[in-house]
């Protein structure tokens, strides 16, 4: 029975943020489409881990397969590269891929704000899987530890996923309003999302040894949250998208 509670604690942060962001959409999206995008994002969690592990293995050819995971975990420089580059690149791409494949040609995508909404939904599905893995990988996990992990990730990693994908979603929406420069604008948005994600990961990585980094993390998330909130308000004022490809 405890495992059911652990699973719920892993999913709850994503559900709470999902309700929060859906409340910002004055024209609600189809529930079936929301569910499909959320599940699509969730399925990308294991894919992202596989990609990251594969890239790290390629960058460490001397490692032997029987103890590959342990040897990669001991390589500080390779871990740092994964934290600031490999993980942000793979995760932001996969979260975007869900929306590109399911939404960008979907009739439900009918206004600029939808780009942010659906990117965030995909991110929350991804974060739900990530949260579940973090809880169930805790040695001798208890209800107290699982609850603590869920609360911490609610205000940190899960929130970060919504913000980085929200940034990319804004640029996807803006590209539809400036169609001639669409690819260039999306590329800028993707790079910014990766940069934001990588910077957060780096600060979180430092947090293990520098407790004062908590203040920097809090300020970073607050500033980023304010920026994404402004993006929401800006897109609400825009006309419906006329061209979608």
Protein backbone atom coordinates (compact mmCIF):
# COMPACT_ATOMS: atom_id res chain seq x y z
CA UNK A 1 0.00 0.00 0.00
CA UNK A 2 2.89 2.37 0.75
CA UNK A 3 4.07 2.13 -2.85
CA UNK A 4 0.74 3.53 -4.00
CA UNK A 5 1.26 6.56 -1.73
CA UNK A 6 4.80 6.94 -3.06
CA UNK A 7 3.45 6.94 -6.62
CA UNK A 8 0.83 9.54 -5.73
CA UNK A 9 3.47 11.72 -4.08
CA UNK A 10 5.52 11.52 -7.28
CA UNK A 11 2.62 12.63 -9.46
CA UNK A 12 1.00 15.25 -7.20
CA UNK A 13 3.54 18.05 -7.90
CA UNK A 14 2.84 17.80 -11.63
CA UNK A 15 -0.93 17.68 -11.13
CA UNK A 16 -0.95 20.77 -8.89
CA UNK A 17 1.14 22.77 -11.37
CA UNK A 18 -1.01 21.47 -14.23
CA UNK A 19 -4.18 22.81 -12.60
CA UNK A 20 -2.43 26.11 -11.93
CA UNK A 21 -1.36 26.62 -15.55
CA UNK A 22 -4.61 25.38 -17.07
CA UNK A 23 -6.39 28.00 -14.96
CA UNK A 24 -4.41 30.65 -16.87
CA UNK A 25 -5.93 29.52 -20.19
CA UNK A 26 -9.17 31.44 -20.75
CA UNK A 27 -10.11 29.05 -23.56
CA UNK A 28 -9.76 25.56 -22.03
CA UNK A 29 -8.08 22.85 -24.11
CA UNK A 30 -9.73 19.47 -24.86
CA UNK A 31 -9.24 17.14 -21.89
CA UNK A 32 -8.28 14.22 -24.13
CA UNK A 33 -5.57 16.28 -25.81
CA UNK A 34 -4.22 17.44 -22.44
CA UNK A 35 -4.05 13.83 -21.24
CA UNK A 36 -2.27 12.63 -24.40
CA UNK A 37 0.34 15.38 -24.22
CA UNK A 38 0.89 14.74 -20.50
CA UNK A 39 1.35 11.01 -21.10
CA UNK A 40 3.61 11.73 -24.07
CA UNK A 41 5.83 13.85 -21.86
CA UNK A 42 5.83 11.13 -19.19
CA UNK A 43 6.95 8.52 -21.72
CA UNK A 44 9.88 10.72 -22.70
CA UNK A 45 11.35 10.41 -19.19
CA UNK A 46 12.91 6.95 -19.74
CA UNK A 47 13.93 7.96 -23.27
CA UNK A 48 15.85 10.95 -21.90
CA UNK A 49 17.65 8.75 -19.37
CA UNK A 50 18.60 6.27 -22.09
CA UNK A 51 19.92 9.05 -24.33
CA UNK A 52 21.94 10.64 -21.53
CA UNK A 53 23.40 7.31 -20.45
CA UNK A 54 24.27 6.39 -24.06
CA UNK A 55 26.02 9.71 -24.75
CA UNK A 56 27.98 9.50 -21.50
CA UNK A 57 29.00 5.93 -22.36
CA UNK A 58 30.23 7.06 -25.79
CA UNK A 59 32.27 9.81 -24.13
CA UNK A 60 33.85 7.26 -21.80
CA UNK A 61 34.91 4.42 -24.15
CA UNK A 62 37.40 3.03 -21.62
CA UNK A 63 34.58 2.03 -19.27
CA UNK A 64 33.69 -1.65 -19.20
CA UNK A 65 30.05 -2.67 -19.64
CA UNK A 66 29.82 -4.76 -16.43
CA UNK A 67 30.58 -1.70 -14.29
CA UNK A 68 29.73 1.07 -16.74
CA UNK A 69 27.17 2.82 -14.54
CA UNK A 70 29.48 2.91 -11.53
CA UNK A 71 32.43 4.17 -13.57
CA UNK A 72 30.39 6.97 -15.13
CA UNK A 73 29.14 7.98 -11.70
CA UNK A 74 32.72 8.42 -10.52
CA UNK A 75 33.72 10.69 -13.42
CA UNK A 76 33.10 14.19 -12.02
CA UNK A 77 33.77 15.98 -15.29
CA UNK A 78 31.47 13.72 -17.27
CA UNK A 79 28.75 14.17 -14.66
CA UNK A 80 29.12 17.94 -14.88
CA UNK A 81 28.87 17.79 -18.67
CA UNK A 82 25.65 15.80 -18.32
CA UNK A 83 24.28 18.28 -15.77
CA UNK A 84 24.88 21.45 -17.80
CA UNK A 85 24.59 20.19 -21.39
CA UNK A 86 23.58 16.61 -22.17
CA UNK A 87 20.55 16.46 -19.85
CA UNK A 88 19.17 19.94 -20.71
CA UNK A 89 19.58 19.35 -24.46
CA UNK A 90 17.96 15.93 -24.48
CA UNK A 91 15.13 16.79 -22.09
CA UNK A 92 14.13 20.08 -23.73
CA UNK A 93 14.21 18.47 -27.16
CA UNK A 94 12.07 15.50 -26.11
CA UNK A 95 9.50 17.67 -24.33
CA UNK A 96 9.24 19.82 -27.46
CA UNK A 97 9.07 16.76 -29.71
CA UNK A 98 5.87 15.60 -27.98
CA UNK A 99 4.17 18.91 -28.78
CA UNK A 100 5.56 19.09 -32.31
CA UNK A 101 4.23 15.63 -33.16
CA UNK A 102 0.89 15.84 -31.36
CA UNK A 103 -0.15 19.49 -31.33
CA UNK A 104 1.35 21.84 -33.92
CA UNK A 105 -0.97 20.53 -36.65
CA UNK A 106 -3.85 19.80 -34.28
CA UNK A 107 -7.04 21.92 -34.55
CA UNK A 108 -6.83 22.36 -30.76
CA UNK A 109 -3.80 24.58 -31.36
CA UNK A 110 -5.71 27.73 -32.31
CA UNK A 111 -4.16 30.60 -30.36
CA UNK A 112 -0.63 31.73 -29.38
CA UNK A 113 -1.00 30.90 -25.70
CA UNK A 114 -1.62 27.23 -26.56
CA UNK A 115 2.06 26.80 -27.47
CA UNK A 116 3.10 27.63 -23.91
CA UNK A 117 0.25 25.62 -22.38
CA UNK A 118 1.05 22.43 -24.29
CA UNK A 119 4.82 22.70 -23.81
CA UNK A 120 4.21 23.06 -20.08
CA UNK A 121 1.80 20.09 -20.06
CA UNK A 122 4.45 17.96 -21.78
CA UNK A 123 7.03 19.17 -19.25
CA UNK A 124 4.77 18.24 -16.34
CA UNK A 125 4.32 14.72 -17.70
CA UNK A 126 8.08 14.46 -18.02
CA UNK A 127 8.57 15.81 -14.48
CA UNK A 128 6.06 13.28 -13.09
CA UNK A 129 8.17 10.40 -14.39
CA UNK A 130 11.33 12.05 -13.09
CA UNK A 131 9.73 12.54 -9.67
CA UNK A 132 8.63 8.91 -9.51
CA UNK A 133 12.13 7.70 -10.36
CA UNK A 134 13.68 9.96 -7.72
CA UNK A 135 11.34 8.63 -5.04
CA UNK A 136 11.58 4.94 -5.89
CA UNK A 137 15.37 5.06 -6.27
CA UNK A 138 15.79 6.26 -2.67
CA UNK A 139 17.34 3.35 -0.71
CA UNK A 140 14.93 2.14 1.98
CA UNK A 141 12.44 4.86 1.08
CA UNK A 142 9.93 5.81 3.77
CA UNK A 143 6.72 7.81 3.59
CA UNK A 144 8.45 10.71 5.31
CA UNK A 145 11.33 10.73 2.82
CA UNK A 146 8.97 10.40 -0.14
CA UNK A 147 6.84 13.31 1.12
CA UNK A 148 9.93 15.46 1.65
CA UNK A 149 11.20 14.63 -1.84
CA UNK A 150 7.83 15.46 -3.36
CA UNK A 151 7.63 18.85 -1.62
CA UNK A 152 11.18 19.82 -2.55
CA UNK A 153 10.71 18.90 -6.20
CA UNK A 154 7.36 20.70 -6.31
CA UNK A 155 9.06 24.05 -5.70
CA UNK A 156 12.27 23.22 -7.56
CA UNK A 157 12.75 20.67 -10.34
CA UNK A 158 9.08 20.34 -11.36
CA UNK A 159 8.67 24.12 -11.39
CA UNK A 160 11.88 24.46 -13.41
CA UNK A 161 10.58 22.06 -16.07
CA UNK A 162 7.44 24.16 -16.51
CA UNK A 163 9.47 27.38 -16.77
CA UNK A 164 12.08 26.17 -19.26
CA UNK A 165 9.39 24.64 -21.47
CA UNK A 166 7.29 27.77 -21.02
CA UNK A 167 10.18 29.85 -22.39
CA UNK A 168 10.41 27.61 -25.46
CA UNK A 169 6.62 27.65 -25.82
CA UNK A 170 6.65 31.43 -25.92
CA UNK A 171 9.12 31.44 -28.80
CA UNK A 172 7.15 28.76 -30.65
CA UNK A 173 4.07 30.98 -30.33
CA UNK A 174 6.00 34.09 -31.34
CA UNK A 175 7.34 32.27 -34.40
CA UNK A 176 3.75 31.75 -35.55
CA UNK A 177 3.21 35.50 -35.34
CA UNK A 178 6.43 36.12 -37.30
CA UNK A 179 6.23 33.25 -39.74
CA UNK A 180 9.06 34.28 -42.09
CA UNK A 181 11.62 33.91 -39.29
CA UNK A 182 9.92 30.90 -37.69
CA UNK A 183 12.86 28.48 -37.58
CA UNK A 184 15.29 31.12 -36.37
CA UNK A 185 12.95 32.18 -33.55
CA UNK A 186 12.30 28.59 -32.43
CA UNK A 187 16.05 27.89 -32.44
CA UNK A 188 16.64 30.90 -30.17
CA UNK A 189 13.86 29.73 -27.86
CA UNK A 190 15.29 26.23 -27.70
CA UNK A 191 18.78 27.48 -26.88
CA UNK A 192 17.38 29.76 -24.16
CA UNK A 193 15.39 26.87 -22.65
CA UNK A 194 18.53 24.71 -22.63
CA UNK A 195 20.57 27.54 -21.10
CA UNK A 196 17.98 28.13 -18.36
CA UNK A 197 17.75 24.40 -17.64
CA UNK A 198 21.52 23.97 -17.62
CA UNK A 199 22.04 26.93 -15.27
CA UNK A 200 19.45 25.57 -12.84
CA UNK A 201 21.05 22.12 -12.97
CA UNK A 202 24.46 23.62 -12.27
CA UNK A 203 23.20 25.57 -9.27
CA UNK A 204 21.39 22.49 -7.97
CA UNK A 205 24.59 20.47 -8.44
CA UNK A 206 26.56 23.02 -6.42
CA UNK A 207 23.87 22.96 -3.74
CA UNK A 208 25.16 19.57 -2.57
CA UNK A 209 28.27 21.26 -1.22
CA UNK A 210 27.27 24.94 -0.95
CA UNK A 211 24.11 25.52 1.10
CA UNK A 212 24.16 29.25 0.32
CA UNK A 213 23.35 28.32 -3.27
CA UNK A 214 19.75 27.83 -2.07
CA UNK A 215 19.28 31.60 -2.10
CA UNK A 216 20.61 31.84 -5.65
CA UNK A 217 18.29 29.01 -6.73
CA UNK A 218 15.28 30.68 -5.15
CA UNK A 219 16.08 34.02 -6.78
CA UNK A 220 16.69 32.35 -10.13
CA UNK A 221 13.35 30.50 -10.09
CA UNK A 222 11.47 33.60 -8.90
CA UNK A 223 12.96 35.77 -11.65
CA UNK A 224 12.32 33.12 -14.29
CA UNK A 225 8.78 32.65 -13.01
CA UNK A 226 8.15 36.40 -13.34
CA UNK A 227 9.48 36.31 -16.89
CA UNK A 228 7.24 33.41 -17.90
CA UNK A 229 4.26 35.15 -16.28
CA UNK A 230 4.95 38.19 -18.46
CA UNK A 231 5.11 35.94 -21.52
CA UNK A 232 1.68 34.54 -20.64
CA UNK A 233 0.23 38.04 -20.38
CA UNK A 234 1.80 39.09 -23.67
CA UNK A 235 0.40 36.13 -25.58
CA UNK A 236 -3.06 36.60 -24.12
CA UNK A 237 -3.20 39.93 -25.94
CA UNK A 238 -2.33 38.43 -29.34
CA UNK A 239 -4.76 37.47 -32.07
CA UNK A 240 -5.37 33.81 -32.99
CA UNK A 241 -2.64 32.14 -34.98
CA UNK A 242 -3.30 32.28 -38.71
CA UNK A 243 -0.54 30.03 -40.04
CA UNK A 244 0.42 26.69 -38.54
CA UNK A 245 2.83 24.24 -40.15
